[in-house]
Amino acid sequence: MQIVRLFKESILFQSRQAALALQTEFAQWDRLSDEALVEFEKRLLRREADGDAHTS
């Protein structure tokens, strides 16, 4: 019975570690995608400003 309990605890521990690793990775992807979106918006605004400067 003790072997089964140890096995179960080991599986639960590994599962928790995997979940934490995924949460960390998702947070990193969120941050990177937010940064990419901000940069994309900045480029669009610059292009619009350049377009407005050429048409004025």
Protein backbone atom coordinates (compact mmCIF):
# COMPACT_ATOMS: atom_id res chain seq x y z
CA MET A 1 0.00 0.00 0.00
CA GLN A 2 2.84 2.38 0.80
CA ILE A 3 4.32 1.83 -2.68
CA VAL A 4 1.01 2.81 -4.27
CA ARG A 5 0.83 5.95 -2.13
CA LEU A 6 4.40 6.94 -3.05
CA PHE A 7 3.67 6.34 -6.72
CA LYS A 8 0.52 8.45 -6.51
CA GLU A 9 2.37 11.27 -4.73
CA SER A 10 5.11 11.16 -7.35
CA ILE A 11 2.57 11.39 -10.18
CA LEU A 12 0.80 14.30 -8.50
CA PHE A 13 4.09 16.11 -7.92
CA GLN A 14 5.12 15.69 -11.56
CA SER A 15 1.70 16.84 -12.71
CA ARG A 16 1.94 20.00 -10.59
CA GLN A 17 5.44 20.70 -11.91
CA ALA A 18 4.24 20.32 -15.49
CA ALA A 19 1.28 22.64 -14.85
CA LEU A 20 3.58 25.29 -13.36
CA ALA A 21 5.97 24.98 -16.29
CA LEU A 22 3.07 25.46 -18.71
CA GLN A 23 1.79 28.48 -16.79
CA THR A 24 5.25 30.03 -16.97
CA GLU A 25 5.54 29.33 -20.68
CA PHE A 26 2.07 30.73 -21.40
CA ALA A 27 2.95 33.88 -19.44
CA GLN A 28 6.10 34.30 -21.52
CA TRP A 29 4.15 33.85 -24.75
CA ASP A 30 1.58 36.40 -23.55
CA ARG A 31 4.30 38.91 -22.81
CA LEU A 32 6.00 38.33 -26.16
CA SER A 33 2.77 38.58 -28.12
CA ASP A 34 1.87 41.80 -26.29
CA GLU A 35 5.29 43.25 -27.14
CA ALA A 36 4.91 42.21 -30.78
CA LEU A 37 1.45 43.80 -30.97
CA VAL A 38 2.71 47.07 -29.49
CA GLU A 39 5.57 47.16 -32.00
CA PHE A 40 3.17 46.41 -34.86
CA GLU A 41 0.87 49.24 -33.76
CA LYS A 42 3.83 51.63 -33.52
CA ARG A 43 4.87 50.78 -37.09
CA LEU A 44 1.33 51.32 -38.34
CA LEU A 45 1.16 54.71 -36.65
CA ARG A 46 4.54 55.70 -38.12
CA ARG A 47 3.38 54.69 -41.60
CA GLU A 48 0.18 56.69 -41.18
CA ALA A 49 2.18 59.69 -39.97
CA ASP A 50 4.58 59.36 -42.92
CA GLY A 51 1.63 59.07 -45.30
CA ASP A 52 0.03 62.16 -43.81
CA ALA A 53 3.30 64.10 -44.12
CA HIS A 54 3.58 63.20 -47.81
CA THR A 55 -0.02 64.18 -48.61
CA SER A 56 0.13 67.54 -46.82
